[in-house]
Amino acid sequence: MAPAPVLVRGGGELSSAAARLLFLSGYPVAILERPEPLAVRRKVSFAQALFAEETVVEGVRGRRVPLDQIAPGHAFVAVAVDPEGESIDRLRPAVLVDGRMLKRNEGTTRAQATLVVGLGPGFIAGDDVHAVVETQRGPSLGRVLWSGRAEADSAHPARVLGYADERVLRAPRGGRFQGRVRIGDVVTPGQTLGEVEGEPVVASIAGLVRGLVADGVRVEPAVKIGDIDPRGLSVAADRISDKARAVAAGVLEAVLVSLRPR
């Protein structure tokens, strides 16, 4: 029996970690993204394929394909532009993972696939989706919920070496972002890392640039456009985080439990 085709909405780090693990487990996987992805940790995000045509996330290749060729089954993770999910009905996936991390449900329903999984807050397991995977750090991270909701969004990142909100770079205004540094660079407090329509984006702390949106992407005021890891060179920007690995394991668990032979 051929493995069930999987569609993943969103190509950021969490959904990419899930797509990668499912692909390595033998499932054909395709990702649907917006035209200008806001993925920050682009070295571990299949969304990067929309900018570079092809990308590699920890040994798994992702490639941009036209929407009419998005059907899962390639020897890589296919990535296509389809922000509204118009291809879902045509492709009729066995599994649909909504990993856009919008913190709300924008039209995802259980009728769209045999198994519909939502990542994080905004979904209700057993109602609008079949399962929810917890994305909040803590003892329940990666847990599969078959009823109820994930924990509410805290609106604050986890602390690293005592830093939380200071780690996040946000757009000072709306417009197109242009970077002055690259992911993997080590920066200092007060350093200008980029700009949005002439307004500088400045580092609050020292550390390694672990994430940064792509040059030319249009952003809204205050949206997250990057992050700095104060641990510096002791972390690798091209390695999936422990959080993303836990979430990916939860998605795979949901798929195995739901689609196992009865």
C-alpha atoms as a PDB file:
ATOM      1  CA  MET A   1       0.000   0.000   0.000  1.00  0.00           C
ATOM      2  CA  ALA A   2       1.361   3.430  -0.943  1.00  0.00           C
ATOM      3  CA  PRO A   3       2.014   5.774   1.997  1.00  0.00           C
ATOM      4  CA  ALA A   4      -0.561   8.470   2.659  1.00  0.00           C
ATOM      5  CA  PRO A   5       0.116  11.830   0.952  1.00  0.00           C
ATOM      6  CA  VAL A   6       0.690  14.723   3.365  1.00  0.00           C
ATOM      7  CA  LEU A   7       0.078  18.422   2.807  1.00  0.00           C
ATOM      8  CA  VAL A   8       1.606  20.948   5.207  1.00  0.00           C
ATOM      9  CA  ARG A   9       0.434  24.546   5.307  1.00  0.00           C
ATOM     10  CA  GLY A  10       3.337  26.805   6.218  1.00  0.00           C
ATOM     11  CA  GLY A  11       7.050  26.327   5.684  1.00  0.00           C
ATOM     12  CA  GLY A  12       8.508  27.803   8.877  1.00  0.00           C
ATOM     13  CA  GLU A  13      10.712  25.914  11.329  1.00  0.00           C
ATOM     14  CA  LEU A  14       8.027  23.964  13.225  1.00  0.00           C
ATOM     15  CA  SER A  15       6.081  22.848  10.173  1.00  0.00           C
ATOM     16  CA  SER A  16       9.322  22.151   8.287  1.00  0.00           C
ATOM     17  CA  ALA A  17      10.568  19.928  11.101  1.00  0.00           C
ATOM     18  CA  ALA A  18       7.302  17.985  10.878  1.00  0.00           C
ATOM     19  CA  ALA A  19       7.499  17.792   7.067  1.00  0.00           C
ATOM     20  CA  ARG A  20      11.100  16.561   7.251  1.00  0.00           C
ATOM     21  CA  LEU A  21      10.330  13.826   9.788  1.00  0.00           C
ATOM     22  CA  LEU A  22       7.287  12.635   7.855  1.00  0.00           C
ATOM     23  CA  PHE A  23       9.321  12.577   4.635  1.00  0.00           C
ATOM     24  CA  LEU A  24      12.075  10.547   6.313  1.00  0.00           C
ATOM     25  CA  SER A  25       9.369   8.184   7.591  1.00  0.00           C
ATOM     26  CA  GLY A  26       8.325   7.435   4.020  1.00  0.00           C
ATOM     27  CA  TYR A  27       5.401   9.803   3.529  1.00  0.00           C
ATOM     28  CA  PRO A  28       5.220  11.934   0.357  1.00  0.00           C
ATOM     29  CA  VAL A  29       5.087  15.543   1.550  1.00  0.00           C
ATOM     30  CA  ALA A  30       4.246  18.876  -0.058  1.00  0.00           C
ATOM     31  CA  ILE A  31       4.191  22.334   1.528  1.00  0.00           C
ATOM     32  CA  LEU A  32       1.857  25.232   0.703  1.00  0.00           C
ATOM     33  CA  GLU A  33       3.210  28.724   1.448  1.00  0.00           C
ATOM     34  CA  ARG A  34       2.488  32.401   0.925  1.00  0.00           C
ATOM     35  CA  PRO A  35       4.318  34.237  -1.909  1.00  0.00           C
ATOM     36  CA  GLU A  36       6.643  36.051   0.523  1.00  0.00           C
ATOM     37  CA  PRO A  37       7.145  33.752   3.516  1.00  0.00           C
ATOM     38  CA  LEU A  38       7.822  35.350   6.891  1.00  0.00           C
ATOM     39  CA  ALA A  39       9.944  32.395   8.015  1.00  0.00           C
ATOM     40  CA  VAL A  40      12.723  33.662  10.259  1.00  0.00           C
ATOM     41  CA  ARG A  41      14.861  30.571  10.820  1.00  0.00           C
ATOM     42  CA  ARG A  42      15.319  30.101   7.113  1.00  0.00           C
ATOM     43  CA  LYS A  43      18.242  27.663   7.341  1.00  0.00           C
ATOM     44  CA  VAL A  44      15.821  25.114   8.824  1.00  0.00           C
ATOM     45  CA  SER A  45      12.711  26.141   6.892  1.00  0.00           C
ATOM     46  CA  PHE A  46      11.523  24.700   3.590  1.00  0.00           C
ATOM     47  CA  ALA A  47       9.967  28.106   2.883  1.00  0.00           C
ATOM     48  CA  GLN A  48      13.476  29.140   1.820  1.00  0.00           C
ATOM     49  CA  ALA A  49      12.947  27.145  -1.392  1.00  0.00           C
ATOM     50  CA  LEU A  50      10.662  29.929  -2.608  1.00  0.00           C
ATOM     51  CA  PHE A  51      13.603  32.336  -2.523  1.00  0.00           C
ATOM     52  CA  ALA A  52      16.406  29.986  -3.585  1.00  0.00           C
ATOM     53  CA  GLU A  53      14.469  27.465  -5.737  1.00  0.00           C
ATOM     54  CA  GLU A  54      15.980  24.692  -3.618  1.00  0.00           C
ATOM     55  CA  THR A  55      17.024  24.306   0.009  1.00  0.00           C
ATOM     56  CA  VAL A  56      18.187  21.545   2.349  1.00  0.00           C
ATOM     57  CA  VAL A  57      16.938  21.088   5.917  1.00  0.00           C
ATOM     58  CA  GLU A  58      19.208  18.697   7.793  1.00  0.00           C
ATOM     59  CA  GLY A  59      19.800  16.452   4.812  1.00  0.00           C
ATOM     60  CA  VAL A  60      16.300  16.626   3.301  1.00  0.00           C
ATOM     61  CA  ARG A  61      15.916  18.573   0.084  1.00  0.00           C
ATOM     62  CA  GLY A  62      13.048  20.948  -0.562  1.00  0.00           C
ATOM     63  CA  ARG A  63      12.353  22.344  -4.019  1.00  0.00           C
ATOM     64  CA  ARG A  64      10.025  24.991  -5.360  1.00  0.00           C
ATOM     65  CA  VAL A  65       7.535  23.620  -7.879  1.00  0.00           C
ATOM     66  CA  PRO A  66       4.640  25.182  -9.812  1.00  0.00           C
ATOM     67  CA  LEU A  67       1.298  24.773  -8.088  1.00  0.00           C
ATOM     68  CA  ASP A  68       0.036  22.398 -10.781  1.00  0.00           C
ATOM     69  CA  GLN A  69       2.943  20.072  -9.908  1.00  0.00           C
ATOM     70  CA  ILE A  70       2.491  20.194  -6.127  1.00  0.00           C
ATOM     71  CA  ALA A  71       1.074  16.667  -5.788  1.00  0.00           C
ATOM     72  CA  PRO A  72       3.083  14.828  -3.095  1.00  0.00           C
ATOM     73  CA  GLY A  73       5.280  12.019  -4.385  1.00  0.00           C
ATOM     74  CA  HIS A  74       8.514  13.692  -5.437  1.00  0.00           C
ATOM     75  CA  ALA A  75      11.936  12.575  -4.231  1.00  0.00           C
ATOM     76  CA  PHE A  76      12.025  15.808  -2.242  1.00  0.00           C
ATOM     77  CA  VAL A  77       9.680  17.997  -0.222  1.00  0.00           C
ATOM     78  CA  ALA A  78       7.754  20.017  -2.804  1.00  0.00           C
ATOM     79  CA  VAL A  79       7.045  23.665  -1.962  1.00  0.00           C
ATOM     80  CA  ALA A  80       4.498  25.762  -3.847  1.00  0.00           C
ATOM     81  CA  VAL A  81       2.764  29.104  -3.499  1.00  0.00           C
ATOM     82  CA  ASP A  82      -0.825  28.588  -2.402  1.00  0.00           C
ATOM     83  CA  PRO A  83      -1.636  30.880   0.538  1.00  0.00           C
ATOM     84  CA  GLU A  84      -5.374  30.194   0.388  1.00  0.00           C
ATOM     85  CA  GLY A  85      -4.988  26.423   0.186  1.00  0.00           C
ATOM     86  CA  GLU A  86      -6.931  26.267  -3.068  1.00  0.00           C
ATOM     87  CA  SER A  87      -5.185  23.045  -4.092  1.00  0.00           C
ATOM     88  CA  ILE A  88      -6.279  21.096  -1.001  1.00  0.00           C
ATOM     89  CA  ASP A  89      -9.604  19.958  -2.444  1.00  0.00           C
ATOM     90  CA  ARG A  90      -7.927  18.928  -5.692  1.00  0.00           C
ATOM     91  CA  LEU A  91      -5.139  16.967  -4.010  1.00  0.00           C
ATOM     92  CA  ARG A  92      -7.373  15.311  -1.392  1.00  0.00           C
ATOM     93  CA  PRO A  93      -4.523  14.560   1.040  1.00  0.00           C
ATOM     94  CA  ALA A  94      -4.780  11.821   3.631  1.00  0.00           C
ATOM     95  CA  VAL A  95      -3.081  14.164   6.123  1.00  0.00           C
ATOM     96  CA  LEU A  96      -3.261  17.942   6.369  1.00  0.00           C
ATOM     97  CA  VAL A  97      -1.049  19.765   8.875  1.00  0.00           C
ATOM     98  CA  ASP A  98      -1.798  23.436   9.521  1.00  0.00           C
ATOM     99  CA  GLY A  99       1.540  24.756  10.747  1.00  0.00           C
ATOM    100  CA  ARG A 100       1.150  28.404   9.815  1.00  0.00           C
ATOM    101  CA  MET A 101       1.281  29.412  13.501  1.00  0.00           C
ATOM    102  CA  LEU A 102      -1.355  32.096  13.058  1.00  0.00           C
ATOM    103  CA  LYS A 103      -2.650  31.537  16.626  1.00  0.00           C
ATOM    104  CA  ARG A 104      -6.136  31.290  15.114  1.00  0.00           C
ATOM    105  CA  ASN A 105      -7.960  29.041  12.685  1.00  0.00           C
ATOM    106  CA  GLU A 106      -8.455  30.547   9.253  1.00  0.00           C
ATOM    107  CA  GLY A 107     -10.667  28.012   7.524  1.00  0.00           C
ATOM    108  CA  THR A 108      -9.057  24.664   8.370  1.00  0.00           C
ATOM    109  CA  THR A 109     -11.647  21.917   8.877  1.00  0.00           C
ATOM    110  CA  ARG A 110     -11.741  18.187   9.544  1.00  0.00           C
ATOM    111  CA  ALA A 111     -13.423  17.654   6.175  1.00  0.00           C
ATOM    112  CA  GLN A 112     -10.209  18.522   4.320  1.00  0.00           C
ATOM    113  CA  ALA A 113      -8.391  15.232   5.015  1.00  0.00           C
ATOM    114  CA  THR A 114      -8.648  11.899   6.798  1.00  0.00           C
ATOM    115  CA  LEU A 115      -6.436  13.410   9.496  1.00  0.00           C
ATOM    116  CA  VAL A 116      -6.205  17.161  10.077  1.00  0.00           C
ATOM    117  CA  VAL A 117      -3.600  18.340  12.599  1.00  0.00           C
ATOM    118  CA  GLY A 118      -3.240  21.872  13.952  1.00  0.00           C
ATOM    119  CA  LEU A 119      -0.030  23.108  15.512  1.00  0.00           C
ATOM    120  CA  GLY A 120      -0.406  25.201  18.638  1.00  0.00           C
ATOM    121  CA  PRO A 121      -3.190  27.540  19.771  1.00  0.00           C
ATOM    122  CA  GLY A 122      -6.143  28.477  17.613  1.00  0.00           C
ATOM    123  CA  PHE A 123      -7.500  24.979  16.990  1.00  0.00           C
ATOM    124  CA  ILE A 124      -9.859  22.710  18.914  1.00  0.00           C
ATOM    125  CA  ALA A 125      -9.084  19.004  18.672  1.00  0.00           C
ATOM    126  CA  GLY A 126     -12.221  16.992  17.997  1.00  0.00           C
ATOM    127  CA  ASP A 127     -13.978  20.068  16.635  1.00  0.00           C
ATOM    128  CA  ASP A 128     -12.338  21.957  13.748  1.00  0.00           C
ATOM    129  CA  VAL A 129      -9.327  19.591  13.562  1.00  0.00           C
ATOM    130  CA  HIS A 130      -8.825  15.968  14.572  1.00  0.00           C
ATOM    131  CA  ALA A 131      -5.702  16.579  16.652  1.00  0.00           C
ATOM    132  CA  VAL A 132      -3.672  19.457  18.052  1.00  0.00           C
ATOM    133  CA  VAL A 133       0.047  19.300  18.839  1.00  0.00           C
ATOM    134  CA  GLU A 134       1.220  21.412  21.770  1.00  0.00           C
ATOM    135  CA  THR A 135       3.842  24.008  20.780  1.00  0.00           C
ATOM    136  CA  GLN A 136       4.302  25.776  24.121  1.00  0.00           C
ATOM    137  CA  ARG A 137       7.565  24.970  25.876  1.00  0.00           C
ATOM    138  CA  GLY A 138       7.085  22.969  29.055  1.00  0.00           C
ATOM    139  CA  PRO A 139       6.234  19.421  30.094  1.00  0.00           C
ATOM    140  CA  SER A 140       3.512  19.114  27.430  1.00  0.00           C
ATOM    141  CA  LEU A 141       5.591  20.280  24.462  1.00  0.00           C
ATOM    142  CA  GLY A 142       4.908  17.974  21.522  1.00  0.00           C
ATOM    143  CA  ARG A 143       1.941  16.280  23.204  1.00  0.00           C
ATOM    144  CA  VAL A 144      -0.873  15.179  20.899  1.00  0.00           C
ATOM    145  CA  LEU A 145      -4.329  16.350  21.986  1.00  0.00           C
ATOM    146  CA  TRP A 146      -7.324  14.485  20.602  1.00  0.00           C
ATOM    147  CA  SER A 147      -9.757  16.811  22.370  1.00  0.00           C
ATOM    148  CA  GLY A 148      -9.509  20.364  23.598  1.00  0.00           C
ATOM    149  CA  ARG A 149      -7.069  23.176  22.947  1.00  0.00           C
ATOM    150  CA  ALA A 150      -3.360  23.788  23.160  1.00  0.00           C
ATOM    151  CA  GLU A 151      -2.090  26.230  25.765  1.00  0.00           C
ATOM    152  CA  ALA A 152      -2.746  29.884  24.982  1.00  0.00           C
ATOM    153  CA  ASP A 153       0.017  31.858  23.331  1.00  0.00           C
ATOM    154  CA  SER A 154       2.180  33.475  26.003  1.00  0.00           C
ATOM    155  CA  ALA A 155       3.201  36.257  23.562  1.00  0.00           C
ATOM    156  CA  HIS A 156       6.740  35.958  24.931  1.00  0.00           C
ATOM    157  CA  PRO A 157       9.635  33.754  23.782  1.00  0.00           C
ATOM    158  CA  ALA A 158      11.324  31.350  26.166  1.00  0.00           C
ATOM    159  CA  ARG A 159      14.212  32.751  28.196  1.00  0.00           C
ATOM    160  CA  VAL A 160      17.725  31.942  27.042  1.00  0.00           C
ATOM    161  CA  LEU A 161      20.539  33.000  29.398  1.00  0.00           C
ATOM    162  CA  GLY A 162      18.031  35.320  31.045  1.00  0.00           C
ATOM    163  CA  TYR A 163      16.894  37.016  27.820  1.00  0.00           C
ATOM    164  CA  ALA A 164      13.368  36.704  26.423  1.00  0.00           C
ATOM    165  CA  ASP A 165      11.777  39.569  24.473  1.00  0.00           C
ATOM    166  CA  GLU A 166      15.230  41.089  23.955  1.00  0.00           C
ATOM    167  CA  ARG A 167      16.103  38.165  21.679  1.00  0.00           C
ATOM    168  CA  VAL A 168      13.387  38.997  19.144  1.00  0.00           C
ATOM    169  CA  LEU A 169      13.826  41.472  16.307  1.00  0.00           C
ATOM    170  CA  ARG A 170      10.641  43.244  15.250  1.00  0.00           C
ATOM    171  CA  ALA A 171       9.822  45.475  12.314  1.00  0.00           C
ATOM    172  CA  PRO A 172       9.991  49.169  13.335  1.00  0.00           C
ATOM    173  CA  ARG A 173       7.397  50.006  10.671  1.00  0.00           C
ATOM    174  CA  GLY A 174       5.609  48.487   7.717  1.00  0.00           C
ATOM    175  CA  GLY A 175       7.456  48.025   4.447  1.00  0.00           C
ATOM    176  CA  ARG A 176      10.147  45.920   2.833  1.00  0.00           C
ATOM    177  CA  PHE A 177      13.019  44.537   4.899  1.00  0.00           C
ATOM    178  CA  GLN A 178      16.641  44.746   3.819  1.00  0.00           C
ATOM    179  CA  GLY A 179      19.260  42.992   5.921  1.00  0.00           C
ATOM    180  CA  ARG A 180      22.805  44.110   6.681  1.00  0.00           C
ATOM    181  CA  VAL A 181      23.869  40.860   8.317  1.00  0.00           C
ATOM    182  CA  ARG A 182      23.334  37.201   7.558  1.00  0.00           C
ATOM    183  CA  ILE A 183      21.991  34.287   9.559  1.00  0.00           C
ATOM    184  CA  GLY A 184      24.936  32.837  11.475  1.00  0.00           C
ATOM    185  CA  ASP A 185      26.669  36.182  12.046  1.00  0.00           C
ATOM    186  CA  VAL A 186      27.654  37.174  15.585  1.00  0.00           C
ATOM    187  CA  VAL A 187      26.431  40.671  16.487  1.00  0.00           C
ATOM    188  CA  THR A 188      26.817  43.190  19.304  1.00  0.00           C
ATOM    189  CA  PRO A 189      24.308  45.395  21.179  1.00  0.00           C
ATOM    190  CA  GLY A 190      23.419  48.505  19.218  1.00  0.00           C
ATOM    191  CA  GLN A 191      24.511  47.045  15.889  1.00  0.00           C
ATOM    192  CA  THR A 192      22.207  47.772  12.969  1.00  0.00           C
ATOM    193  CA  LEU A 193      21.139  44.456  11.485  1.00  0.00           C
ATOM    194  CA  GLY A 194      18.918  45.760   8.718  1.00  0.00           C
ATOM    195  CA  GLU A 195      16.249  48.287   7.919  1.00  0.00           C
ATOM    196  CA  VAL A 196      12.621  48.606   6.936  1.00  0.00           C
ATOM    197  CA  GLU A 197      12.016  51.499   4.554  1.00  0.00           C
ATOM    198  CA  GLY A 198      15.016  53.344   6.005  1.00  0.00           C
ATOM    199  CA  GLU A 199      14.260  52.703   9.693  1.00  0.00           C
ATOM    200  CA  PRO A 200      17.006  50.634  11.355  1.00  0.00           C
ATOM    201  CA  VAL A 201      16.566  47.268  13.016  1.00  0.00           C
ATOM    202  CA  VAL A 202      18.986  47.281  15.957  1.00  0.00           C
ATOM    203  CA  ALA A 203      20.274  44.440  18.137  1.00  0.00           C
ATOM    204  CA  SER A 204      19.432  44.750  21.821  1.00  0.00           C
ATOM    205  CA  ILE A 205      21.806  41.989  22.916  1.00  0.00           C
ATOM    206  CA  ALA A 206      24.949  40.247  21.759  1.00  0.00           C
ATOM    207  CA  GLY A 207      24.727  36.833  20.180  1.00  0.00           C
ATOM    208  CA  LEU A 208      24.305  34.817  17.015  1.00  0.00           C
ATOM    209  CA  VAL A 209      21.719  35.787  14.414  1.00  0.00           C
ATOM    210  CA  ARG A 210      19.711  32.588  14.364  1.00  0.00           C
ATOM    211  CA  GLY A 211      16.900  33.883  12.205  1.00  0.00           C
ATOM    212  CA  LEU A 212      16.161  36.729   9.810  1.00  0.00           C
ATOM    213  CA  VAL A 213      13.445  37.196   7.202  1.00  0.00           C
ATOM    214  CA  ALA A 214      14.586  37.259   3.594  1.00  0.00           C
ATOM    215  CA  ASP A 215      15.607  40.500   1.919  1.00  0.00           C
ATOM    216  CA  GLY A 216      12.797  42.256   0.114  1.00  0.00           C
ATOM    217  CA  VAL A 217       9.957  40.676   2.080  1.00  0.00           C
ATOM    218  CA  ARG A 218       7.139  43.045   2.994  1.00  0.00           C
ATOM    219  CA  VAL A 219       6.453  43.104   6.741  1.00  0.00           C
ATOM    220  CA  GLU A 220       3.876  44.706   8.980  1.00  0.00           C
ATOM    221  CA  PRO A 221       4.779  46.943  11.951  1.00  0.00           C
ATOM    222  CA  ALA A 222       5.994  45.021  15.026  1.00  0.00           C
ATOM    223  CA  VAL A 223       5.964  41.630  13.268  1.00  0.00           C
ATOM    224  CA  LYS A 224       8.831  39.296  14.179  1.00  0.00           C
ATOM    225  CA  ILE A 225      11.572  39.561  11.578  1.00  0.00           C
ATOM    226  CA  GLY A 226      14.477  37.838  13.305  1.00  0.00           C
ATOM    227  CA  ASP A 227      15.993  36.487  16.490  1.00  0.00           C
ATOM    228  CA  ILE A 228      19.321  36.527  18.281  1.00  0.00           C
ATOM    229  CA  ASP A 229      20.619  33.633  20.376  1.00  0.00           C
ATOM    230  CA  PRO A 230      22.778  34.926  23.261  1.00  0.00           C
ATOM    231  CA  ARG A 231      24.650  31.602  23.386  1.00  0.00           C
ATOM    232  CA  GLY A 232      26.510  32.702  20.273  1.00  0.00           C
ATOM    233  CA  LEU A 233      28.608  30.227  18.329  1.00  0.00           C
ATOM    234  CA  SER A 234      27.704  27.367  20.670  1.00  0.00           C
ATOM    235  CA  VAL A 235      24.447  26.985  18.690  1.00  0.00           C
ATOM    236  CA  ALA A 236      24.070  26.157  15.006  1.00  0.00           C
ATOM    237  CA  ALA A 237      21.624  28.112  12.869  1.00  0.00           C
ATOM    238  CA  ASP A 238      21.311  25.186  10.451  1.00  0.00           C
ATOM    239  CA  ARG A 239      20.105  22.721  13.091  1.00  0.00           C
ATOM    240  CA  ILE A 240      16.448  22.202  13.972  1.00  0.00           C
ATOM    241  CA  SER A 241      15.684  23.314  17.526  1.00  0.00           C
ATOM    242  CA  ASP A 242      14.696  20.968  20.328  1.00  0.00           C
ATOM    243  CA  LYS A 243      11.242  22.570  20.323  1.00  0.00           C
ATOM    244  CA  ALA A 244      10.723  21.905  16.612  1.00  0.00           C
ATOM    245  CA  ARG A 245      11.893  18.299  17.000  1.00  0.00           C
ATOM    246  CA  ALA A 246       9.368  17.721  19.798  1.00  0.00           C
ATOM    247  CA  VAL A 247       6.543  19.194  17.725  1.00  0.00           C
ATOM    248  CA  ALA A 248       7.571  17.090  14.711  1.00  0.00           C
ATOM    249  CA  ALA A 249       7.519  13.949  16.861  1.00  0.00           C
ATOM    250  CA  GLY A 250       3.992  14.847  17.967  1.00  0.00           C
ATOM    251  CA  VAL A 251       2.826  15.224  14.374  1.00  0.00           C
ATOM    252  CA  LEU A 252       4.332  11.861  13.429  1.00  0.00           C
ATOM    253  CA  GLU A 253       2.652  10.258  16.456  1.00  0.00           C
ATOM    254  CA  ALA A 254      -0.726  11.661  15.374  1.00  0.00           C
ATOM    255  CA  VAL A 255      -0.224  10.303  11.865  1.00  0.00           C
ATOM    256  CA  LEU A 256       0.853   6.844  13.036  1.00  0.00           C
ATOM    257  CA  VAL A 257      -1.983   6.548  15.546  1.00  0.00           C
ATOM    258  CA  SER A 258      -4.660   7.803  13.172  1.00  0.00           C
ATOM    259  CA  LEU A 259      -3.639   5.974  10.006  1.00  0.00           C
ATOM    260  CA  ARG A 260      -2.420   2.668  11.427  1.00  0.00           C
ATOM    261  CA  PRO A 261      -4.130  -0.437  10.040  1.00  0.00           C
ATOM    262  CA  ARG A 262      -7.120  -1.461  12.142  1.00  0.00           C
END
